[in-house]
Amino acid sequence: MEEPIIIKVDHVSMKFNLSSEKFDSFKEYVIKSIKGQVSIEEFWALKDVSFEVRKGDSVGLIGLNGSGKSTMLKTIAGVLKPTKGSVKVSGTIAPLIELGAGFDMDLTARENVFLNGALLGYTRSEMEGYYKDIVDFSELGNFMDVPVKNFSSGMVSRLAFAIATIGIPDILIVDEVLSVGDFQFQEKCEKRIRNMKDKGTTILFVSHSIDQVQKICNKVVWLEHGHMKCFGNAKEIGDEYRKS
């Protein structure tokens, strides 16, 4: 019996309005827009994209920079509302889209663990139960009482990944986060993602590494200039993508 559909992307298009000129100040922009002298260019980041993801699938999004991968993930995560079409999602989402986006840089790593836990909907006592695992996984035991503003981007990524992957969400969205940090830590992150997958989590994954995508994913969405070029088997499409 086939698993139920957990994500349905139905004819999704996403338009951004870009100002085609530069302004020296906000005041100049306001004056010119009142006079109707600001020219706006339409940019379609996604154009009529449709696909379905079943529970337990691991789907990689591949394509060159600007192909619409991150926009697609943000639309599925509910961060962006599509201009046309719809996205239906069943279940809880743990989005790893902009690592450390929910951090207060003036607070310590320890304080940020509890702050981020609250943002993810966990109680303080639940986070106390997860705390040791977060510290052990991030390997930041000596730095938990240091303000996060003193962390390197790699340290921020370690902490954010460790927090975002506590528990077993229905859907994990991972955008380019495994490119930060050393090789051993990347391996550790991959292992945790595969472990979540084994426990039934559905994965949406963006990476520039086709090897990484094929290692983690069973399906692939190939985007090109906002259009979906193809959707299907990760091994076959990944091999074709390598040749393009």
C-alpha atoms as a PDB file:
ATOM      1  CA  MET A   1       0.000   0.000   0.000  1.00  0.00           C
ATOM      2  CA  GLU A   2       1.312   3.444  -0.963  1.00  0.00           C
ATOM      3  CA  GLU A   3       2.134   5.938   1.775  1.00  0.00           C
ATOM      4  CA  PRO A   4      -0.178   8.994   2.040  1.00  0.00           C
ATOM      5  CA  ILE A   5       0.723  12.281   0.335  1.00  0.00           C
ATOM      6  CA  ILE A   6       2.258  14.611   2.936  1.00  0.00           C
ATOM      7  CA  ILE A   7       3.138  17.575   0.652  1.00  0.00           C
ATOM      8  CA  LYS A   8       1.175  18.617  -2.438  1.00  0.00           C
ATOM      9  CA  VAL A   9       2.622  21.439  -4.555  1.00  0.00           C
ATOM     10  CA  ASP A  10      -0.114  22.403  -7.022  1.00  0.00           C
ATOM     11  CA  HIS A  11       0.698  24.731  -9.970  1.00  0.00           C
ATOM     12  CA  VAL A  12       2.800  27.041  -7.787  1.00  0.00           C
ATOM     13  CA  SER A  13       4.171  30.283  -9.222  1.00  0.00           C
ATOM     14  CA  MET A  14       6.019  32.943  -7.227  1.00  0.00           C
ATOM     15  CA  LYS A  15       6.507  36.512  -8.420  1.00  0.00           C
ATOM     16  CA  PHE A  16       8.825  39.111  -6.901  1.00  0.00           C
ATOM     17  CA  ASN A  17       8.719  42.799  -7.837  1.00  0.00           C
ATOM     18  CA  LEU A  18      12.216  44.206  -8.241  1.00  0.00           C
ATOM     19  CA  SER A  19      13.060  47.883  -8.571  1.00  0.00           C
ATOM     20  CA  SER A  20      15.173  48.206 -11.706  1.00  0.00           C
ATOM     21  CA  GLU A  21      17.088  51.248 -10.491  1.00  0.00           C
ATOM     22  CA  LYS A  22      19.215  52.273  -7.513  1.00  0.00           C
ATOM     23  CA  PHE A  23      18.340  55.131  -5.143  1.00  0.00           C
ATOM     24  CA  ASP A  24      20.714  57.217  -3.039  1.00  0.00           C
ATOM     25  CA  SER A  25      18.245  57.379  -0.157  1.00  0.00           C
ATOM     26  CA  PHE A  26      14.882  56.115   1.035  1.00  0.00           C
ATOM     27  CA  LYS A  27      13.594  59.708   0.700  1.00  0.00           C
ATOM     28  CA  GLU A  28      14.479  59.736  -3.022  1.00  0.00           C
ATOM     29  CA  TYR A  29      12.681  56.396  -3.464  1.00  0.00           C
ATOM     30  CA  VAL A  30       9.509  57.701  -1.710  1.00  0.00           C
ATOM     31  CA  ILE A  31       9.452  60.953  -3.758  1.00  0.00           C
ATOM     32  CA  LYS A  32       9.949  59.099  -7.065  1.00  0.00           C
ATOM     33  CA  SER A  33       7.326  56.473  -6.220  1.00  0.00           C
ATOM     34  CA  ILE A  34       4.762  59.194  -5.360  1.00  0.00           C
ATOM     35  CA  LYS A  35       5.503  60.770  -8.751  1.00  0.00           C
ATOM     36  CA  GLY A  36       5.199  57.367 -10.421  1.00  0.00           C
ATOM     37  CA  GLN A  37       8.834  57.455 -11.562  1.00  0.00           C
ATOM     38  CA  VAL A  38       9.898  54.092 -10.103  1.00  0.00           C
ATOM     39  CA  SER A  39      10.047  51.316 -12.655  1.00  0.00           C
ATOM     40  CA  ILE A  40       9.369  47.848 -11.284  1.00  0.00           C
ATOM     41  CA  GLU A  41      10.505  44.657 -12.970  1.00  0.00           C
ATOM     42  CA  GLU A  42       8.613  41.409 -12.408  1.00  0.00           C
ATOM     43  CA  PHE A  43      10.723  38.384 -11.607  1.00  0.00           C
ATOM     44  CA  TRP A  44       9.109  34.938 -11.568  1.00  0.00           C
ATOM     45  CA  ALA A  45      11.190  32.757  -9.215  1.00  0.00           C
ATOM     46  CA  LEU A  46       8.815  29.783  -9.741  1.00  0.00           C
ATOM     47  CA  LYS A  47       6.597  29.099 -12.732  1.00  0.00           C
ATOM     48  CA  ASP A  48       3.760  26.567 -12.560  1.00  0.00           C
ATOM     49  CA  VAL A  49       5.539  23.920 -10.429  1.00  0.00           C
ATOM     50  CA  SER A  50       3.595  20.795  -9.370  1.00  0.00           C
ATOM     51  CA  PHE A  51       4.737  17.660  -7.521  1.00  0.00           C
ATOM     52  CA  GLU A  52       3.679  15.415  -4.635  1.00  0.00           C
ATOM     53  CA  VAL A  53       5.737  14.032  -1.773  1.00  0.00           C
ATOM     54  CA  ARG A  54       4.663  10.904   0.066  1.00  0.00           C
ATOM     55  CA  LYS A  55       5.284  10.201   3.752  1.00  0.00           C
ATOM     56  CA  GLY A  56       8.809   8.849   4.264  1.00  0.00           C
ATOM     57  CA  ASP A  57      10.154  10.150   0.940  1.00  0.00           C
ATOM     58  CA  SER A  58      13.457  12.042   0.828  1.00  0.00           C
ATOM     59  CA  VAL A  59      13.286  14.601  -1.952  1.00  0.00           C
ATOM     60  CA  GLY A  60      16.295  16.551  -3.176  1.00  0.00           C
ATOM     61  CA  LEU A  61      15.863  19.887  -4.968  1.00  0.00           C
ATOM     62  CA  ILE A  62      18.610  20.440  -7.526  1.00  0.00           C
ATOM     63  CA  GLY A  63      19.409  23.173 -10.033  1.00  0.00           C
ATOM     64  CA  LEU A  64      21.798  26.066 -10.568  1.00  0.00           C
ATOM     65  CA  ASN A  65      21.792  29.180  -8.350  1.00  0.00           C
ATOM     66  CA  GLY A  66      18.650  31.197  -9.076  1.00  0.00           C
ATOM     67  CA  SER A  67      16.675  28.167 -10.255  1.00  0.00           C
ATOM     68  CA  GLY A  68      14.093  28.594  -7.454  1.00  0.00           C
ATOM     69  CA  LYS A  69      15.168  25.879  -4.965  1.00  0.00           C
ATOM     70  CA  SER A  70      15.208  28.044  -1.814  1.00  0.00           C
ATOM     71  CA  THR A  71      12.015  29.856  -2.863  1.00  0.00           C
ATOM     72  CA  MET A  72      10.311  26.462  -3.255  1.00  0.00           C
ATOM     73  CA  LEU A  73      11.443  25.354   0.220  1.00  0.00           C
ATOM     74  CA  LYS A  74      10.292  28.628   1.797  1.00  0.00           C
ATOM     75  CA  THR A  75       6.897  28.253   0.106  1.00  0.00           C
ATOM     76  CA  ILE A  76       6.511  24.700   1.477  1.00  0.00           C
ATOM     77  CA  ALA A  77       7.658  25.857   4.939  1.00  0.00           C
ATOM     78  CA  GLY A  78       4.983  28.584   4.883  1.00  0.00           C
ATOM     79  CA  VAL A  79       7.522  31.431   4.979  1.00  0.00           C
ATOM     80  CA  LEU A  80       6.325  32.662   1.548  1.00  0.00           C
ATOM     81  CA  LYS A  81       2.801  32.583   0.101  1.00  0.00           C
ATOM     82  CA  PRO A  82       2.688  31.605  -3.587  1.00  0.00           C
ATOM     83  CA  THR A  83       1.468  34.206  -6.088  1.00  0.00           C
ATOM     84  CA  LYS A  84      -0.480  31.480  -7.884  1.00  0.00           C
ATOM     85  CA  GLY A  85      -1.305  27.887  -6.991  1.00  0.00           C
ATOM     86  CA  SER A  86      -1.285  26.236  -3.579  1.00  0.00           C
ATOM     87  CA  VAL A  87       0.820  24.129  -1.208  1.00  0.00           C
ATOM     88  CA  LYS A  88      -0.838  21.634   1.155  1.00  0.00           C
ATOM     89  CA  VAL A  89       1.274  20.188   3.977  1.00  0.00           C
ATOM     90  CA  SER A  90       0.189  17.536   6.505  1.00  0.00           C
ATOM     91  CA  GLY A  91       2.236  17.373   9.695  1.00  0.00           C
ATOM     92  CA  THR A  92       4.872  19.236  11.708  1.00  0.00           C
ATOM     93  CA  ILE A  93       7.797  20.913   9.929  1.00  0.00           C
ATOM     94  CA  ALA A  94      11.333  21.482  11.255  1.00  0.00           C
ATOM     95  CA  PRO A  95      12.795  24.025   8.807  1.00  0.00           C
ATOM     96  CA  LEU A  96      16.585  24.347   8.538  1.00  0.00           C
ATOM     97  CA  ILE A  97      16.432  27.160   6.002  1.00  0.00           C
ATOM     98  CA  GLU A  98      18.420  30.027   7.501  1.00  0.00           C
ATOM     99  CA  LEU A  99      20.529  28.613  10.287  1.00  0.00           C
ATOM    100  CA  GLY A 100      20.542  30.789  13.368  1.00  0.00           C
ATOM    101  CA  ALA A 101      17.731  33.027  12.047  1.00  0.00           C
ATOM    102  CA  GLY A 102      15.919  32.698  15.393  1.00  0.00           C
ATOM    103  CA  PHE A 103      19.016  33.420  17.500  1.00  0.00           C
ATOM    104  CA  ASP A 104      19.499  36.512  19.668  1.00  0.00           C
ATOM    105  CA  MET A 105      23.202  37.191  19.126  1.00  0.00           C
ATOM    106  CA  ASP A 106      23.578  38.996  22.482  1.00  0.00           C
ATOM    107  CA  LEU A 107      22.381  35.938  24.427  1.00  0.00           C
ATOM    108  CA  THR A 108      24.581  32.968  25.295  1.00  0.00           C
ATOM    109  CA  ALA A 109      24.363  29.649  23.452  1.00  0.00           C
ATOM    110  CA  ARG A 110      22.590  28.154  26.502  1.00  0.00           C
ATOM    111  CA  GLU A 111      19.957  30.936  26.515  1.00  0.00           C
ATOM    112  CA  ASN A 112      19.482  30.552  22.757  1.00  0.00           C
ATOM    113  CA  VAL A 113      18.768  26.823  23.165  1.00  0.00           C
ATOM    114  CA  PHE A 114      15.735  27.636  25.342  1.00  0.00           C
ATOM    115  CA  LEU A 115      14.693  30.623  23.195  1.00  0.00           C
ATOM    116  CA  ASN A 116      14.765  28.513  20.008  1.00  0.00           C
ATOM    117  CA  GLY A 117      13.015  25.652  21.770  1.00  0.00           C
ATOM    118  CA  ALA A 118      10.159  28.033  22.653  1.00  0.00           C
ATOM    119  CA  LEU A 119       9.998  29.211  19.005  1.00  0.00           C
ATOM    120  CA  LEU A 120       9.735  25.553  17.914  1.00  0.00           C
ATOM    121  CA  GLY A 121       6.880  24.999  20.381  1.00  0.00           C
ATOM    122  CA  TYR A 122       8.748  23.067  23.110  1.00  0.00           C
ATOM    123  CA  THR A 123       8.287  23.725  26.852  1.00  0.00           C
ATOM    124  CA  ARG A 124      11.261  24.620  29.049  1.00  0.00           C
ATOM    125  CA  SER A 125      11.167  21.212  30.743  1.00  0.00           C
ATOM    126  CA  GLU A 126      11.159  19.447  27.341  1.00  0.00           C
ATOM    127  CA  MET A 127      14.197  21.499  26.305  1.00  0.00           C
ATOM    128  CA  GLU A 128      15.940  20.625  29.569  1.00  0.00           C
ATOM    129  CA  GLY A 129      15.477  16.971  28.561  1.00  0.00           C
ATOM    130  CA  TYR A 130      17.035  17.655  25.138  1.00  0.00           C
ATOM    131  CA  TYR A 131      19.787  19.980  26.416  1.00  0.00           C
ATOM    132  CA  LYS A 132      22.557  17.393  26.907  1.00  0.00           C
ATOM    133  CA  ASP A 133      21.941  15.905  23.465  1.00  0.00           C
ATOM    134  CA  ILE A 134      22.149  19.393  21.870  1.00  0.00           C
ATOM    135  CA  VAL A 135      25.449  20.159  23.644  1.00  0.00           C
ATOM    136  CA  ASP A 136      26.938  16.734  22.815  1.00  0.00           C
ATOM    137  CA  PHE A 137      25.870  16.837  19.162  1.00  0.00           C
ATOM    138  CA  SER A 138      27.062  20.420  18.557  1.00  0.00           C
ATOM    139  CA  GLU A 139      30.375  19.710  20.381  1.00  0.00           C
ATOM    140  CA  LEU A 140      30.144  23.183  21.959  1.00  0.00           C
ATOM    141  CA  GLY A 141      30.338  22.115  25.609  1.00  0.00           C
ATOM    142  CA  ASN A 142      32.996  24.725  26.492  1.00  0.00           C
ATOM    143  CA  PHE A 143      31.142  27.563  24.781  1.00  0.00           C
ATOM    144  CA  MET A 144      27.549  27.289  26.051  1.00  0.00           C
ATOM    145  CA  ASP A 145      27.916  30.346  28.310  1.00  0.00           C
ATOM    146  CA  VAL A 146      29.505  32.496  25.587  1.00  0.00           C
ATOM    147  CA  PRO A 147      27.337  35.053  23.688  1.00  0.00           C
ATOM    148  CA  VAL A 148      26.540  33.737  20.210  1.00  0.00           C
ATOM    149  CA  LYS A 149      27.836  36.987  18.619  1.00  0.00           C
ATOM    150  CA  ASN A 150      31.341  35.667  19.422  1.00  0.00           C
ATOM    151  CA  PHE A 151      30.742  32.407  17.512  1.00  0.00           C
ATOM    152  CA  SER A 152      32.049  31.627  14.044  1.00  0.00           C
ATOM    153  CA  SER A 153      29.418  30.853  11.367  1.00  0.00           C
ATOM    154  CA  GLY A 154      30.358  27.156  11.689  1.00  0.00           C
ATOM    155  CA  MET A 155      29.654  27.183  15.443  1.00  0.00           C
ATOM    156  CA  VAL A 156      26.292  28.909  14.886  1.00  0.00           C
ATOM    157  CA  SER A 157      25.422  26.259  12.284  1.00  0.00           C
ATOM    158  CA  ARG A 158      26.341  23.412  14.647  1.00  0.00           C
ATOM    159  CA  LEU A 159      24.147  24.805  17.404  1.00  0.00           C
ATOM    160  CA  ALA A 160      21.228  25.588  15.072  1.00  0.00           C
ATOM    161  CA  PHE A 161      21.353  22.125  13.455  1.00  0.00           C
ATOM    162  CA  ALA A 162      21.501  20.409  16.866  1.00  0.00           C
ATOM    163  CA  ILE A 163      18.438  22.354  18.074  1.00  0.00           C
ATOM    164  CA  ALA A 164      16.384  22.001  14.875  1.00  0.00           C
ATOM    165  CA  THR A 165      16.832  18.219  14.728  1.00  0.00           C
ATOM    166  CA  ILE A 166      15.689  17.344  18.241  1.00  0.00           C
ATOM    167  CA  GLY A 167      12.693  15.043  18.313  1.00  0.00           C
ATOM    168  CA  ILE A 168      11.281  13.415  15.175  1.00  0.00           C
ATOM    169  CA  PRO A 169       9.307  15.952  13.065  1.00  0.00           C
ATOM    170  CA  ASP A 170       6.994  14.775  10.274  1.00  0.00           C
ATOM    171  CA  ILE A 171       8.940  16.871   7.756  1.00  0.00           C
ATOM    172  CA  LEU A 172      12.544  18.130   7.871  1.00  0.00           C
ATOM    173  CA  ILE A 173      13.488  20.906   5.424  1.00  0.00           C
ATOM    174  CA  VAL A 174      17.247  21.292   4.913  1.00  0.00           C
ATOM    175  CA  ASP A 175      18.634  24.118   2.747  1.00  0.00           C
ATOM    176  CA  GLU A 176      22.379  24.112   2.028  1.00  0.00           C
ATOM    177  CA  VAL A 177      23.195  23.788   5.722  1.00  0.00           C
ATOM    178  CA  LEU A 178      25.553  20.843   5.372  1.00  0.00           C
ATOM    179  CA  SER A 179      28.010  22.958   3.383  1.00  0.00           C
ATOM    180  CA  VAL A 180      29.040  24.720   6.625  1.00  0.00           C
ATOM    181  CA  GLY A 181      31.473  23.125   9.040  1.00  0.00           C
ATOM    182  CA  ASP A 182      34.152  20.489   8.700  1.00  0.00           C
ATOM    183  CA  PHE A 183      33.817  17.188   6.870  1.00  0.00           C
ATOM    184  CA  GLN A 184      33.407  15.105  10.051  1.00  0.00           C
ATOM    185  CA  PHE A 185      30.555  17.295  11.273  1.00  0.00           C
ATOM    186  CA  GLN A 186      28.880  17.102   7.851  1.00  0.00           C
ATOM    187  CA  GLU A 187      29.045  13.307   8.100  1.00  0.00           C
ATOM    188  CA  LYS A 188      27.501  13.495  11.560  1.00  0.00           C
ATOM    189  CA  CYS A 189      24.648  15.691  10.233  1.00  0.00           C
ATOM    190  CA  GLU A 190      24.050  13.309   7.307  1.00  0.00           C
ATOM    191  CA  LYS A 191      23.885  10.387   9.738  1.00  0.00           C
ATOM    192  CA  ARG A 192      21.316  12.200  11.901  1.00  0.00           C
ATOM    193  CA  ILE A 193      19.191  13.040   8.831  1.00  0.00           C
ATOM    194  CA  ARG A 194      19.300   9.382   7.713  1.00  0.00           C
ATOM    195  CA  ASN A 195      18.326   8.307  11.242  1.00  0.00           C
ATOM    196  CA  MET A 196      15.303  10.659  11.179  1.00  0.00           C
ATOM    197  CA  LYS A 197      14.422   9.290   7.731  1.00  0.00           C
ATOM    198  CA  ASP A 198      14.578   5.712   9.099  1.00  0.00           C
ATOM    199  CA  LYS A 199      12.100   6.756  11.803  1.00  0.00           C
ATOM    200  CA  GLY A 200       9.616   8.002   9.182  1.00  0.00           C
ATOM    201  CA  THR A 201      10.506  11.696   8.780  1.00  0.00           C
ATOM    202  CA  THR A 202       9.951  13.062   5.273  1.00  0.00           C
ATOM    203  CA  ILE A 203      13.016  15.006   4.072  1.00  0.00           C
ATOM    204  CA  LEU A 204      13.234  17.965   1.669  1.00  0.00           C
ATOM    205  CA  PHE A 205      16.882  18.627   0.928  1.00  0.00           C
ATOM    206  CA  VAL A 206      18.829  21.249  -1.061  1.00  0.00           C
ATOM    207  CA  SER A 207      22.551  20.814  -1.667  1.00  0.00           C
ATOM    208  CA  HIS A 208      25.037  21.725  -4.387  1.00  0.00           C
ATOM    209  CA  SER A 209      26.548  18.270  -3.902  1.00  0.00           C
ATOM    210  CA  ILE A 210      24.787  15.735  -6.125  1.00  0.00           C
ATOM    211  CA  ASP A 211      26.671  12.968  -4.242  1.00  0.00           C
ATOM    212  CA  GLN A 212      25.084  14.169  -0.986  1.00  0.00           C
ATOM    213  CA  VAL A 213      21.626  14.369  -2.614  1.00  0.00           C
ATOM    214  CA  GLN A 214      21.914  10.821  -4.004  1.00  0.00           C
ATOM    215  CA  LYS A 215      23.165   9.530  -0.643  1.00  0.00           C
ATOM    216  CA  ILE A 216      20.206  10.976   1.293  1.00  0.00           C
ATOM    217  CA  CYS A 217      17.343  11.178  -1.232  1.00  0.00           C
ATOM    218  CA  ASN A 218      15.247   8.668  -3.171  1.00  0.00           C
ATOM    219  CA  LYS A 219      13.587  11.333  -5.371  1.00  0.00           C
ATOM    220  CA  VAL A 220      14.691  14.574  -7.000  1.00  0.00           C
ATOM    221  CA  VAL A 221      12.992  17.760  -8.250  1.00  0.00           C
ATOM    222  CA  TRP A 222      15.184  19.399 -10.930  1.00  0.00           C
ATOM    223  CA  LEU A 223      14.418  23.120 -11.255  1.00  0.00           C
ATOM    224  CA  GLU A 224      15.645  25.309 -14.110  1.00  0.00           C
ATOM    225  CA  HIS A 225      14.883  29.085 -14.213  1.00  0.00           C
ATOM    226  CA  GLY A 226      11.851  28.501 -11.959  1.00  0.00           C
ATOM    227  CA  HIS A 227      10.389  25.705 -14.115  1.00  0.00           C
ATOM    228  CA  MET A 228      10.372  22.057 -13.061  1.00  0.00           C
ATOM    229  CA  LYS A 229      12.514  20.238 -15.607  1.00  0.00           C
ATOM    230  CA  CYS A 230      11.770  16.794 -14.140  1.00  0.00           C
ATOM    231  CA  PHE A 231      10.775  14.892 -10.988  1.00  0.00           C
ATOM    232  CA  GLY A 232      11.613  11.282 -10.246  1.00  0.00           C
ATOM    233  CA  ASN A 233      14.314   8.798  -9.236  1.00  0.00           C
ATOM    234  CA  ALA A 234      17.294  10.469  -7.486  1.00  0.00           C
ATOM    235  CA  LYS A 235      19.914   8.149  -8.991  1.00  0.00           C
ATOM    236  CA  GLU A 236      18.728   8.528 -12.601  1.00  0.00           C
ATOM    237  CA  ILE A 237      18.043  12.281 -12.531  1.00  0.00           C
ATOM    238  CA  GLY A 238      21.210  12.996 -10.505  1.00  0.00           C
ATOM    239  CA  ASP A 239      23.332  11.169 -13.097  1.00  0.00           C
ATOM    240  CA  GLU A 240      21.631  13.126 -15.899  1.00  0.00           C
ATOM    241  CA  TYR A 241      22.162  16.415 -14.003  1.00  0.00           C
ATOM    242  CA  ARG A 242      25.899  15.671 -13.709  1.00  0.00           C
ATOM    243  CA  LYS A 243      26.153  15.463 -17.509  1.00  0.00           C
ATOM    244  CA  SER A 244      24.285  18.752 -18.121  1.00  0.00           C
END
